[in-house]
């Protein structure tokens, strides 16, 4: 290429540069060997200076994600939830505890806080006489040493086995692993066994024992002193630990014994404050006399129910030796001292003093904040399912009277009890089931003075369970009667006997059962039996241990438990 050709190419290039502000083009001169220069530009022109390269902007460093270390001994039930939470919070797994931003461990370090608390219970079969076991005795059993009273076997689910192997070491051969859904059945088949299971997996068909005399069913139980608690601990970055703790709480995994989800419900048998009881109250000048001994325990429950059989009427003149029953309005002080919240009004004496007396009674109940079911000012009201929410648990209550008399049954215009109608019962149970976690059905059925229920009552009560009830209670019996478990989580009480009534003619009618239900997180966990005995025609008192054993032996015998 000659110099003029080169000159043309350069001119073309410089002509393009004119468009961006350059105005003159000249041929290049030869530079000295080894030196690169730019031709001088004639005076009056622009100096062509190479454009400096832009200084690169500093690149943002992506912060590393926080890291979480999980000890291998963390309960298996927690691992999926913690993995999900870690993913949501964009937390990576750490290889060791020292390098982690947050660590979760079963061992408590100085700066750690409790993350989760899994409470366990020791259970026996329901009719057991045993009430307590020592933690040392339980540990010995884990290690293969039978208890002094003949317990040789400890039943656990695979999950429980893993938790307590970490806590107590490898178990002896007498610790048997059973699938969780077979635990109750196996326990009932072996009366020389106890079961160790999570608190929230208790069912009514087993009996939770005290451990070191500490009752884990009690709301005020001190879990710091209770030996059967498996805890995990969290340490590290405070902001991240709080987020993890909050996430577990939202998933109801921070504890399996959350007091905000626990309801204590007490249900009782016949209340008929009339006749001799009325005379005794008036003589003492104490309208709450019947509840003076048992009232504090009844009132301590979150919800307390009585089955009231008689009206409270300003026209009431108590009589002895009569079946026409009434009480004075001031006797309601007994119910108030007992902390009554709910009243089953299926009783067959509610219209003994006429329908106006029943209406007056309902007005008094409303004025005192009692909520009524199973009876009302008319059939529509008597037929309403009562739904109560307590500590996040939705409970449904309904009741029917199949015994009569016809004069006590509510109609469209007349107050009374809801009459038994099997089709209507099924409809109400379906409604209750759709709107509640646990369904309670009260039956005012045939009255019999024996511990064994009659077949007609069995048929009605079992039908209630089959169509949606969790608990069916016979509120008509003036003595305790048998108990039945249609399923591990369902229970029938054929009769609870008297609570506040004056019958003293024989031991069976002096006896009563108070039932204390524990409902947790929408599930019925336990139904404890608290036996009573009537004194001086007016006042039930808690049975002594020997008296309680006698009463329960009669009830369990009639139940054919074996």
Protein backbone atom coordinates (compact mmCIF):
# COMPACT_ATOMS: atom_id res chain seq x y z
CA UNK A 1 0.00 0.00 0.00
CA UNK A 2 1.50 3.41 -1.02
CA UNK A 3 1.53 6.48 1.20
CA UNK A 4 -1.39 8.06 -0.61
CA UNK A 5 -3.56 5.02 -0.07
CA UNK A 6 -2.67 5.09 3.63
CA UNK A 7 -3.42 8.81 3.55
CA UNK A 8 -6.92 8.12 2.18
CA UNK A 9 -7.75 5.59 4.86
CA UNK A 10 -6.63 7.90 7.63
CA UNK A 11 -8.63 10.80 6.15
CA UNK A 12 -11.72 8.68 6.01
CA UNK A 13 -11.23 7.74 9.63
CA UNK A 14 -10.64 11.34 10.68
CA UNK A 15 -13.63 12.52 8.69
CA UNK A 16 -15.74 10.27 10.91
CA UNK A 17 -14.12 11.82 13.94
CA UNK A 18 -15.18 15.28 12.71
CA UNK A 19 -18.71 14.20 13.47
CA UNK A 20 -17.70 13.97 17.12
CA UNK A 21 -15.82 17.30 17.22
CA UNK A 22 -12.54 16.94 15.33
CA UNK A 23 -12.01 19.45 12.39
CA UNK A 24 -8.76 18.72 10.51
CA UNK A 25 -6.98 15.81 8.87
CA UNK A 26 -3.22 15.74 7.90
CA UNK A 27 -0.93 13.01 6.67
CA UNK A 28 1.11 11.23 9.28
CA UNK A 29 4.90 11.63 9.38
CA UNK A 30 7.30 8.83 10.08
CA UNK A 31 8.27 8.62 13.72
CA UNK A 32 11.72 7.77 14.96
CA UNK A 33 12.42 4.08 15.18
CA UNK A 34 11.12 2.54 18.42
CA UNK A 35 8.95 5.56 19.35
CA UNK A 36 5.20 5.79 18.82
CA UNK A 37 3.94 9.36 18.43
CA UNK A 38 1.05 11.26 16.99
CA UNK A 39 1.62 13.72 14.15
CA UNK A 40 1.60 17.34 15.26
CA UNK A 41 -1.61 19.07 14.38
CA UNK A 42 -1.44 22.42 12.58
CA UNK A 43 -2.05 25.48 14.67
CA UNK A 44 -5.71 26.13 15.18
CA UNK A 45 -6.68 22.40 15.17
CA UNK A 46 -7.71 19.88 18.02
CA UNK A 47 -5.27 17.58 19.67
CA UNK A 48 -6.32 13.93 19.30
CA UNK A 49 -5.87 12.35 22.72
CA UNK A 50 -6.77 8.65 23.22
CA UNK A 51 -9.96 8.28 25.26
CA UNK A 52 -9.06 7.02 28.76
CA UNK A 53 -10.65 3.73 29.77
CA UNK A 54 -13.49 4.11 32.27
CA UNK A 55 -12.54 3.18 35.81
CA UNK A 56 -14.54 0.02 36.63
CA UNK A 57 -17.15 0.46 39.36
CA UNK A 58 -16.42 -1.55 42.51
CA UNK A 59 -18.35 -4.84 42.47
CA UNK A 60 -20.80 -5.36 45.36
CA UNK A 61 -19.84 -8.31 47.53
CA UNK A 62 -22.88 -10.55 48.10
CA UNK A 63 -23.16 -11.13 51.85
CA UNK A 64 -22.86 -14.77 52.76
CA UNK A 65 -26.08 -16.34 54.08
CA UNK A 66 -26.24 -17.00 57.83
CA UNK A 67 -25.49 -20.55 58.89
CA UNK A 68 -27.22 -22.98 61.24
CA UNK A 69 -25.77 -26.01 62.99
CA UNK A 70 -28.05 -28.84 64.15
CA UNK A 71 -26.72 -31.36 66.61
CA UNK A 72 -27.34 -34.91 65.40
CA UNK A 73 -29.27 -35.66 68.60
CA UNK A 74 -32.03 -33.15 67.82
CA UNK A 75 -35.40 -35.00 68.06
CA UNK A 76 -36.33 -36.45 64.70
CA UNK A 77 -39.79 -34.84 64.87
CA UNK A 78 -38.18 -31.38 64.79
CA UNK A 79 -35.85 -31.86 61.86
CA UNK A 80 -38.34 -31.40 58.98
CA UNK A 81 -39.74 -28.23 60.54
CA UNK A 82 -36.28 -26.77 61.17
CA UNK A 83 -35.26 -27.56 57.60
CA UNK A 84 -38.34 -25.76 56.29
CA UNK A 85 -37.71 -22.77 58.54
CA UNK A 86 -34.06 -22.60 57.47
CA UNK A 87 -35.12 -22.56 53.82
CA UNK A 88 -37.67 -19.81 54.45
CA UNK A 89 -35.08 -17.69 56.29
CA UNK A 90 -32.40 -18.48 53.64
CA UNK A 91 -30.08 -20.06 56.19
CA UNK A 92 -27.34 -22.48 55.13
CA UNK A 93 -26.17 -25.52 57.02
CA UNK A 94 -22.99 -25.17 59.05
CA UNK A 95 -20.44 -27.96 59.23
CA UNK A 96 -19.74 -27.48 62.92
CA UNK A 97 -20.98 -25.58 65.92
CA UNK A 98 -17.96 -23.29 66.16
CA UNK A 99 -18.44 -21.84 62.67
CA UNK A 100 -22.22 -21.43 62.86
CA UNK A 101 -24.11 -18.18 63.35
CA UNK A 102 -26.76 -20.12 65.22
CA UNK A 103 -26.53 -23.55 66.84
CA UNK A 104 -29.30 -25.85 68.08
CA UNK A 105 -28.27 -28.53 70.52
CA UNK A 106 -29.64 -30.85 73.17
CA UNK A 107 -26.90 -29.65 75.53
CA UNK A 108 -27.24 -26.23 77.08
CA UNK A 109 -24.32 -23.88 76.59
CA UNK A 110 -23.87 -20.81 78.85
CA UNK A 111 -25.45 -18.38 76.36
CA UNK A 112 -28.22 -20.71 75.14
CA UNK A 113 -31.95 -20.44 75.65
CA UNK A 114 -34.66 -23.08 75.51
CA UNK A 115 -35.90 -23.50 71.95
CA UNK A 116 -38.29 -26.45 72.30
CA UNK A 117 -39.70 -28.39 75.19
CA UNK A 118 -41.22 -31.84 74.63
CA UNK A 119 -43.05 -33.12 77.70
CA UNK A 120 -43.64 -36.83 78.25
CA UNK A 121 -46.13 -38.70 80.42
CA UNK A 122 -46.11 -42.11 82.04
CA UNK A 123 -49.39 -43.94 81.40
CA UNK A 124 -51.08 -46.98 82.90
CA UNK A 125 -54.23 -48.69 81.75
CA UNK A 126 -57.33 -46.69 82.77
CA UNK A 127 -58.58 -48.82 85.72
CA UNK A 128 -55.17 -48.93 87.42
CA UNK A 129 -54.94 -48.28 91.16
CA UNK A 130 -51.49 -46.80 90.65
CA UNK A 131 -51.29 -42.99 90.88
CA UNK A 132 -47.56 -42.16 91.06
CA UNK A 133 -44.14 -43.39 90.04
CA UNK A 134 -40.74 -42.06 91.09
CA UNK A 135 -38.32 -40.86 88.44
CA UNK A 136 -35.57 -43.05 89.90
CA UNK A 137 -37.90 -46.05 89.73
CA UNK A 138 -38.68 -45.20 86.11
CA UNK A 139 -34.97 -44.90 85.23
CA UNK A 140 -34.34 -48.25 86.89
CA UNK A 141 -37.11 -49.75 84.77
CA UNK A 142 -35.42 -48.33 81.66
CA UNK A 143 -32.25 -50.09 82.77
CA UNK A 144 -34.03 -53.41 83.32
CA UNK A 145 -34.93 -53.34 87.02
CA UNK A 146 -38.63 -54.11 87.76
CA UNK A 147 -40.54 -51.79 90.08
CA UNK A 148 -41.34 -52.79 93.64
CA UNK A 149 -45.04 -53.13 92.77
CA UNK A 150 -44.50 -55.48 89.85
CA UNK A 151 -44.04 -53.35 86.75
CA UNK A 152 -41.64 -55.22 84.48
CA UNK A 153 -42.09 -53.62 81.04
CA UNK A 154 -41.86 -50.13 79.59
CA UNK A 155 -43.58 -49.49 76.25
CA UNK A 156 -42.34 -46.75 73.92
CA UNK A 157 -42.83 -45.67 70.32
CA UNK A 158 -39.74 -45.51 68.05
CA UNK A 159 -39.69 -41.72 68.36
CA UNK A 160 -39.81 -41.87 72.17
CA UNK A 161 -37.11 -44.53 72.19
CA UNK A 162 -34.77 -42.22 70.26
CA UNK A 163 -35.39 -39.26 72.57
CA UNK A 164 -34.84 -41.20 75.78
CA UNK A 165 -31.86 -43.17 74.47
CA UNK A 166 -30.17 -39.78 74.06
CA UNK A 167 -31.30 -38.82 77.56
CA UNK A 168 -30.82 -42.05 79.52
CA UNK A 169 -28.60 -44.22 77.37
CA UNK A 170 -29.30 -47.54 75.69
CA UNK A 171 -32.35 -49.27 77.23
CA UNK A 172 -32.57 -52.80 78.59
CA UNK A 173 -34.46 -55.54 76.79
CA UNK A 174 -37.62 -54.97 78.88
CA UNK A 175 -38.13 -51.64 77.06
CA UNK A 176 -40.36 -52.66 74.16
CA UNK A 177 -40.78 -50.60 71.01
CA UNK A 178 -44.40 -50.45 69.81
CA UNK A 179 -45.96 -48.48 66.96
CA UNK A 180 -47.64 -45.38 68.37
CA UNK A 181 -51.09 -46.50 67.18
CA UNK A 182 -50.69 -49.86 68.98
CA UNK A 183 -49.44 -48.48 72.28
CA UNK A 184 -52.81 -48.30 74.08
CA UNK A 185 -53.90 -51.74 72.93
CA UNK A 186 -50.60 -53.26 74.07
CA UNK A 187 -50.79 -51.49 77.44
CA UNK A 188 -54.27 -52.86 78.11
CA UNK A 189 -53.06 -56.36 77.25
CA UNK A 190 -50.15 -56.23 79.73
CA UNK A 191 -51.00 -54.99 83.22
CA UNK A 192 -47.36 -55.34 84.25
CA UNK A 193 -46.41 -52.61 81.79
CA UNK A 194 -46.36 -48.84 81.70
CA UNK A 195 -46.13 -46.64 78.61
CA UNK A 196 -43.92 -43.61 78.10
CA UNK A 197 -45.45 -41.26 75.54
CA UNK A 198 -45.58 -37.57 74.58
CA UNK A 199 -48.03 -35.52 76.63
CA UNK A 200 -50.09 -34.51 73.59
CA UNK A 201 -50.51 -38.17 72.57
CA UNK A 202 -52.39 -39.13 75.74
CA UNK A 203 -55.91 -40.51 75.23
CA UNK A 204 -58.78 -41.10 77.70
CA UNK A 205 -58.32 -44.87 77.64
CA UNK A 206 -55.02 -44.58 79.53
CA UNK A 207 -54.30 -42.96 82.87
CA UNK A 208 -51.46 -40.46 83.20
CA UNK A 209 -49.51 -41.09 86.42
CA UNK A 210 -47.88 -38.50 88.58
CA UNK A 211 -44.09 -38.56 88.45
CA UNK A 212 -42.33 -37.72 91.71
CA UNK A 213 -45.83 -36.68 92.88
CA UNK A 214 -45.98 -34.00 90.18
CA UNK A 215 -49.20 -34.00 88.15
CA UNK A 216 -48.38 -33.05 84.55
CA UNK A 217 -52.12 -32.63 83.86
CA UNK A 218 -52.32 -29.76 86.35
CA UNK A 219 -52.15 -26.33 84.81
CA UNK A 220 -49.69 -25.13 87.44
CA UNK A 221 -47.33 -28.12 87.16
CA UNK A 222 -43.71 -26.99 87.40
CA UNK A 223 -42.08 -28.42 84.29
CA UNK A 224 -38.66 -27.25 85.51
CA UNK A 225 -38.98 -29.84 88.29
CA UNK A 226 -40.60 -32.48 86.10
CA UNK A 227 -38.05 -35.10 84.98
CA UNK A 228 -39.64 -36.21 81.70
CA UNK A 229 -38.91 -33.19 79.51
CA UNK A 230 -36.69 -33.33 76.43
CA UNK A 231 -35.42 -29.88 75.59
CA UNK A 232 -33.43 -28.35 72.76
CA UNK A 233 -31.43 -25.15 73.15
CA UNK A 234 -30.50 -22.37 70.73
CA UNK A 235 -27.55 -20.00 70.84
CA UNK A 236 -25.90 -17.45 68.56
CA UNK A 237 -27.16 -14.47 66.60
CA UNK A 238 -30.03 -12.98 68.61
CA UNK A 239 -32.05 -11.74 65.66
CA UNK A 240 -31.92 -15.10 63.90
CA UNK A 241 -32.62 -17.11 67.06
CA UNK A 242 -35.76 -15.03 67.64
CA UNK A 243 -36.96 -15.66 64.10
CA UNK A 244 -36.45 -19.39 64.48
CA UNK A 245 -38.20 -19.44 67.87
CA UNK A 246 -41.15 -17.46 66.49
CA UNK A 247 -41.46 -19.77 63.49
CA UNK A 248 -41.55 -22.87 65.69
CA UNK A 249 -44.17 -21.26 67.92
CA UNK A 250 -46.35 -20.53 64.87
CA UNK A 251 -46.09 -24.21 63.94
CA UNK A 252 -47.07 -25.24 67.51
CA UNK A 253 -43.73 -27.02 67.85
CA UNK A 254 -42.11 -24.94 70.57
CA UNK A 255 -43.82 -27.17 73.12
CA UNK A 256 -46.31 -30.03 73.16
CA UNK A 257 -47.79 -28.68 76.40
CA UNK A 258 -48.81 -25.11 75.67
CA UNK A 259 -50.98 -23.83 78.53
CA UNK A 260 -52.72 -21.46 76.12
CA UNK A 261 -54.22 -24.52 74.41
CA UNK A 262 -55.26 -26.47 77.52
CA UNK A 263 -58.84 -26.57 78.83
CA UNK A 264 -59.95 -28.20 82.08
CA UNK A 265 -63.63 -29.14 81.98
CA UNK A 266 -65.51 -30.61 84.93
CA UNK A 267 -68.77 -32.47 84.37
CA UNK A 268 -71.01 -33.75 87.17
CA UNK A 269 -74.12 -35.83 87.82
CA UNK A 270 -77.49 -34.97 89.32
CA UNK A 271 -78.07 -31.61 90.98
CA UNK A 272 -81.47 -31.21 92.66
CA UNK A 273 -81.20 -28.77 95.56
CA UNK A 274 -84.54 -29.49 97.16
CA UNK A 275 -86.33 -31.54 99.84
CA UNK A 276 -84.09 -32.44 102.84
CA UNK A 277 -81.19 -30.52 101.34
CA UNK A 278 -83.32 -27.35 101.37
CA UNK A 279 -84.20 -27.80 105.05
CA UNK A 280 -80.54 -28.34 105.94
CA UNK A 281 -79.49 -25.21 104.03
CA UNK A 282 -82.15 -23.10 105.74
CA UNK A 283 -81.24 -24.46 109.17
CA UNK A 284 -77.57 -23.59 108.64
CA UNK A 285 -78.37 -20.19 107.15
CA UNK A 286 -75.85 -20.95 104.40
CA UNK A 287 -77.22 -20.97 100.85
CA UNK A 288 -73.92 -22.37 99.52
CA UNK A 289 -73.64 -25.13 102.14
CA UNK A 290 -73.71 -28.06 99.65
CA UNK A 291 -70.61 -26.76 97.83
CA UNK A 292 -68.49 -25.81 100.84
CA UNK A 293 -66.19 -28.85 100.60
CA UNK A 294 -66.01 -29.66 96.89
CA UNK A 295 -66.60 -26.18 95.49
CA UNK A 296 -62.97 -25.08 95.26
CA UNK A 297 -61.99 -28.02 93.04
CA UNK A 298 -65.08 -27.62 90.87
CA UNK A 299 -64.50 -23.89 90.48
CA UNK A 300 -60.81 -24.34 89.63
CA UNK A 301 -61.70 -25.78 86.22
CA UNK A 302 -61.88 -23.51 83.20
CA UNK A 303 -65.44 -24.73 82.62
CA UNK A 304 -67.72 -26.42 85.17
CA UNK A 305 -70.97 -28.14 84.26
CA UNK A 306 -73.87 -29.35 86.41
CA UNK A 307 -77.00 -31.21 85.35
CA UNK A 308 -79.74 -29.28 87.12
CA UNK A 309 -82.97 -31.27 87.55
CA UNK A 310 -85.24 -28.88 89.49
CA UNK A 311 -86.52 -25.30 89.18
CA UNK A 312 -85.42 -22.40 91.38
CA UNK A 313 -88.70 -20.65 92.08
CA UNK A 314 -89.75 -17.78 94.32
CA UNK A 315 -92.94 -19.80 94.94
CA UNK A 316 -90.99 -22.83 96.16
CA UNK A 317 -91.97 -24.28 99.53
CA UNK A 318 -89.69 -27.27 100.12
CA UNK A 319 -91.38 -30.48 101.20
CA UNK A 320 -90.03 -33.72 102.64
CA UNK A 321 -90.84 -37.14 101.23
CA UNK A 322 -92.13 -35.87 97.91
CA UNK A 323 -91.24 -36.30 94.25
CA UNK A 324 -92.41 -32.76 93.49
CA UNK A 325 -89.10 -30.95 93.68
CA UNK A 326 -88.05 -27.30 93.79
CA UNK A 327 -85.42 -25.03 95.27
CA UNK A 328 -85.40 -21.41 96.40
CA UNK A 329 -83.68 -18.87 94.14
CA UNK A 330 -81.10 -18.13 96.85
CA UNK A 331 -79.80 -21.71 96.63
CA UNK A 332 -78.15 -20.68 93.37
CA UNK A 333 -75.34 -19.50 95.66
CA UNK A 334 -74.32 -23.17 95.77
CA UNK A 335 -73.82 -23.18 92.00
CA UNK A 336 -71.90 -19.92 92.14
CA UNK A 337 -69.54 -21.22 94.81
CA UNK A 338 -68.94 -24.29 92.65
CA UNK A 339 -67.92 -22.00 89.77
CA UNK A 340 -70.65 -23.29 87.47
CA UNK A 341 -70.47 -22.10 83.87
CA UNK A 342 -72.66 -24.59 81.98
CA UNK A 343 -76.01 -26.12 82.93
CA UNK A 344 -77.50 -29.17 81.30
CA UNK A 345 -81.26 -28.71 81.60
CA UNK A 346 -82.62 -32.06 80.52
CA UNK A 347 -83.93 -32.97 83.98
CA UNK A 348 -87.34 -34.58 84.42
CA UNK A 349 -88.44 -32.38 87.37
CA UNK A 350 -87.99 -28.96 85.73
CA UNK A 351 -91.74 -28.44 85.27
CA UNK A 352 -92.78 -29.80 88.68
CA UNK A 353 -93.90 -26.32 89.74
CA UNK A 354 -95.24 -25.28 86.36
CA UNK A 355 -93.84 -23.67 83.28
CA UNK A 356 -93.56 -20.23 84.91
CA UNK A 357 -91.16 -21.68 87.48
CA UNK A 358 -89.04 -23.08 84.65
CA UNK A 359 -89.01 -19.68 82.94
CA UNK A 360 -88.04 -18.00 86.21
CA UNK A 361 -85.19 -20.50 86.56
CA UNK A 362 -83.92 -19.76 83.07
CA UNK A 363 -84.03 -16.03 83.81
CA UNK A 364 -82.00 -16.59 86.97
CA UNK A 365 -79.45 -18.68 85.10
CA UNK A 366 -79.06 -15.98 82.47
CA UNK A 367 -78.67 -13.30 85.14
CA UNK A 368 -75.82 -15.26 86.71
CA UNK A 369 -74.03 -15.90 83.43
CA UNK A 370 -74.79 -19.63 83.25
CA UNK A 371 -75.06 -21.03 79.75
CA UNK A 372 -77.84 -23.58 79.27
CA UNK A 373 -78.26 -26.46 76.81
CA UNK A 374 -80.61 -29.41 76.51
CA UNK A 375 -83.56 -27.32 77.68
CA UNK A 376 -85.05 -23.90 77.10
CA UNK A 377 -88.06 -21.61 76.82
CA UNK A 378 -89.34 -23.56 73.84
CA UNK A 379 -88.33 -26.46 71.62
CA UNK A 380 -86.22 -24.31 69.34
CA UNK A 381 -84.17 -23.00 72.24
CA UNK A 382 -83.92 -26.42 73.89
CA UNK A 383 -82.60 -27.88 70.63
CA UNK A 384 -79.74 -25.47 70.14
CA UNK A 385 -76.22 -26.84 70.20
CA UNK A 386 -74.13 -24.84 72.65
CA UNK A 387 -70.63 -24.11 71.34
CA UNK A 388 -68.06 -22.78 73.76
CA UNK A 389 -64.50 -21.73 72.96
CA UNK A 390 -61.88 -21.89 75.69
CA UNK A 391 -58.10 -21.63 75.34
CA UNK A 392 -58.45 -22.10 71.60
CA UNK A 393 -60.51 -25.29 71.97
CA UNK A 394 -64.00 -25.39 70.49
CA UNK A 395 -66.38 -27.54 72.53
CA UNK A 396 -69.97 -28.42 71.64
CA UNK A 397 -72.65 -29.44 74.16
CA UNK A 398 -76.12 -30.83 73.53
CA UNK A 399 -78.61 -32.86 75.52
CA UNK A 400 -81.82 -34.86 75.16
CA UNK A 401 -84.41 -36.42 77.46
CA UNK A 402 -85.78 -39.84 76.49
CA UNK A 403 -87.16 -40.70 79.94
CA UNK A 404 -89.90 -38.12 80.18
CA UNK A 405 -92.41 -37.46 81.57
CA UNK A 406 -94.03 -35.96 78.51
CA UNK A 407 -94.97 -32.89 80.54
CA UNK A 408 -91.28 -31.93 80.80
CA UNK A 409 -90.62 -32.05 77.08
CA UNK A 410 -90.39 -28.66 75.39
CA UNK A 411 -92.83 -27.74 72.63
CA UNK A 412 -93.06 -24.81 70.24
CA UNK A 413 -94.83 -22.80 72.97
CA UNK A 414 -93.82 -24.47 76.25
CA UNK A 415 -90.47 -24.55 78.07
CA UNK A 416 -88.86 -27.85 78.89
CA UNK A 417 -86.18 -30.35 77.99
CA UNK A 418 -85.38 -31.39 74.44
CA UNK A 419 -87.22 -34.68 73.79
CA UNK A 420 -85.22 -37.58 72.38
CA UNK A 421 -85.54 -37.94 68.63
CA UNK A 422 -82.91 -40.08 66.96
CA UNK A 423 -83.02 -38.31 63.57
CA UNK A 424 -82.84 -34.89 65.20
CA UNK A 425 -80.01 -36.10 67.40
CA UNK A 426 -78.01 -37.14 64.36
CA UNK A 427 -78.59 -33.75 62.75
CA UNK A 428 -77.45 -31.91 65.88
CA UNK A 429 -74.40 -34.12 66.25
CA UNK A 430 -73.46 -33.42 62.63
CA UNK A 431 -73.79 -29.69 63.30
CA UNK A 432 -71.73 -29.98 66.47
CA UNK A 433 -69.07 -32.06 64.72
CA UNK A 434 -68.75 -29.46 61.97
CA UNK A 435 -68.26 -26.59 64.42
CA UNK A 436 -66.31 -28.05 67.33
CA UNK A 437 -63.19 -29.99 68.17
CA UNK A 438 -64.78 -32.10 70.93
CA UNK A 439 -68.49 -32.95 71.18
CA UNK A 440 -70.28 -33.71 74.48
CA UNK A 441 -73.74 -35.32 74.52
CA UNK A 442 -75.83 -35.53 77.73
CA UNK A 443 -78.57 -38.14 77.91
CA UNK A 444 -81.46 -38.08 80.41
CA UNK A 445 -82.28 -41.74 79.82
CA UNK A 446 -83.93 -44.54 81.83
CA UNK A 447 -83.23 -44.41 85.55
CA UNK A 448 -82.00 -47.63 87.13
CA UNK A 449 -80.44 -48.24 90.54
CA UNK A 450 -77.59 -50.54 89.57
CA UNK A 451 -74.00 -50.22 88.39
CA UNK A 452 -74.60 -52.03 85.10
CA UNK A 453 -76.44 -50.02 82.42
CA UNK A 454 -79.50 -51.49 80.78
CA UNK A 455 -79.38 -52.40 77.10
CA UNK A 456 -81.76 -49.62 76.02
CA UNK A 457 -79.38 -47.02 77.41
CA UNK A 458 -76.37 -48.76 75.88
CA UNK A 459 -78.00 -48.62 72.47
CA UNK A 460 -78.77 -44.89 72.71
CA UNK A 461 -75.39 -43.91 74.11
CA UNK A 462 -73.42 -45.96 71.58
CA UNK A 463 -75.49 -44.49 68.78
CA UNK A 464 -74.46 -41.03 69.99
CA UNK A 465 -70.79 -41.97 69.70
CA UNK A 466 -71.31 -43.58 66.29
CA UNK A 467 -72.86 -40.36 64.98
CA UNK A 468 -70.34 -37.80 66.12
CA UNK A 469 -70.10 -37.48 69.91
CA UNK A 470 -66.73 -37.85 71.63
CA UNK A 471 -68.19 -38.11 75.14
CA UNK A 472 -71.68 -39.31 76.10
CA UNK A 473 -72.71 -38.78 79.72
CA UNK A 474 -75.74 -40.24 81.45
CA UNK A 475 -77.02 -37.43 83.66
CA UNK A 476 -80.10 -39.28 84.96
CA UNK A 477 -78.51 -41.93 87.20
CA UNK A 478 -78.66 -41.42 90.97
CA UNK A 479 -75.66 -43.70 91.42
CA UNK A 480 -72.43 -44.27 89.49
CA UNK A 481 -72.62 -46.67 86.57
CA UNK A 482 -70.28 -48.36 84.12
CA UNK A 483 -67.81 -46.72 81.74
CA UNK A 484 -67.11 -47.77 78.17
CA UNK A 485 -64.43 -46.95 75.59
CA UNK A 486 -65.84 -47.30 72.04
CA UNK A 487 -62.40 -46.11 70.91
CA UNK A 488 -59.21 -45.02 72.64
CA UNK A 489 -60.21 -41.35 72.30
CA UNK A 490 -63.97 -41.71 72.99
CA UNK A 491 -65.72 -42.48 76.25
CA UNK A 492 -69.21 -43.25 77.58
CA UNK A 493 -70.24 -42.56 81.18
CA UNK A 494 -73.50 -44.42 81.72
CA UNK A 495 -74.11 -42.58 84.98
CA UNK A 496 -72.24 -40.21 87.30
CA UNK A 497 -74.57 -40.49 90.30
CA UNK A 498 -75.59 -37.56 92.48
CA UNK A 499 -73.67 -34.37 93.08
CA UNK A 500 -76.08 -32.10 95.00
CA UNK A 501 -79.07 -34.27 96.01
CA UNK A 502 -80.34 -35.56 99.34
CA UNK A 503 -80.43 -39.33 98.80
CA UNK A 504 -78.86 -41.16 101.73
CA UNK A 505 -80.85 -44.41 101.92
CA UNK A 506 -77.97 -46.61 100.69
CA UNK A 507 -74.30 -46.39 99.79
CA UNK A 508 -74.85 -46.52 96.04
CA UNK A 509 -76.88 -43.28 95.99
CA UNK A 510 -74.46 -41.53 98.34
CA UNK A 511 -71.70 -42.17 95.81
CA UNK A 512 -70.92 -39.82 92.95
CA UNK A 513 -68.36 -39.27 90.23
CA UNK A 514 -66.96 -35.91 89.21
CA UNK A 515 -65.23 -36.14 85.82
CA UNK A 516 -62.36 -33.77 85.06
CA UNK A 517 -61.60 -33.70 81.34
CA UNK A 518 -58.35 -32.32 79.92
CA UNK A 519 -58.68 -31.01 76.38
CA UNK A 520 -55.48 -30.02 74.62
CA UNK A 521 -55.08 -28.44 71.19
CA UNK A 522 -58.53 -29.57 70.06
CA UNK A 523 -58.22 -33.11 71.41
CA UNK A 524 -59.58 -34.91 74.47
CA UNK A 525 -56.50 -36.18 76.34
CA UNK A 526 -57.75 -37.42 79.71
CA UNK A 527 -60.90 -38.02 81.77
CA UNK A 528 -60.10 -38.25 85.48
CA UNK A 529 -62.57 -39.71 87.96
CA UNK A 530 -62.95 -37.89 91.29
CA UNK A 531 -65.28 -39.92 93.58
CA UNK A 532 -67.52 -38.21 96.12
CA UNK A 533 -69.69 -39.36 99.04
CA UNK A 534 -72.74 -37.51 100.41
CA UNK A 535 -72.91 -36.61 104.13
CA UNK A 536 -75.84 -35.49 106.27
CA UNK A 537 -78.24 -35.33 103.29
CA UNK A 538 -76.72 -32.05 102.10
CA UNK A 539 -72.98 -32.04 101.44
CA UNK A 540 -70.84 -34.15 99.09
CA UNK A 541 -67.25 -34.60 100.18
CA UNK A 542 -64.28 -36.10 98.40
CA UNK A 543 -64.03 -39.82 99.04
CA UNK A 544 -61.09 -41.05 101.09
CA UNK A 545 -58.59 -43.27 99.21
CA UNK A 546 -60.28 -46.42 100.57
CA UNK A 547 -63.77 -45.11 99.75
CA UNK A 548 -62.64 -44.05 96.27
CA UNK A 549 -61.16 -47.48 95.60
CA UNK A 550 -64.42 -49.14 96.66
CA UNK A 551 -66.49 -46.91 94.38
CA UNK A 552 -64.16 -47.35 91.42
CA UNK A 553 -63.97 -51.12 91.89
CA UNK A 554 -67.76 -51.28 91.63
CA UNK A 555 -67.79 -49.07 88.52
CA UNK A 556 -64.90 -50.90 86.83
CA UNK A 557 -66.42 -54.26 87.68
CA UNK A 558 -69.66 -53.24 86.00
CA UNK A 559 -67.58 -51.98 83.07
CA UNK A 560 -66.06 -55.46 82.71
CA UNK A 561 -62.57 -54.04 82.37
CA UNK A 562 -59.93 -56.75 82.13
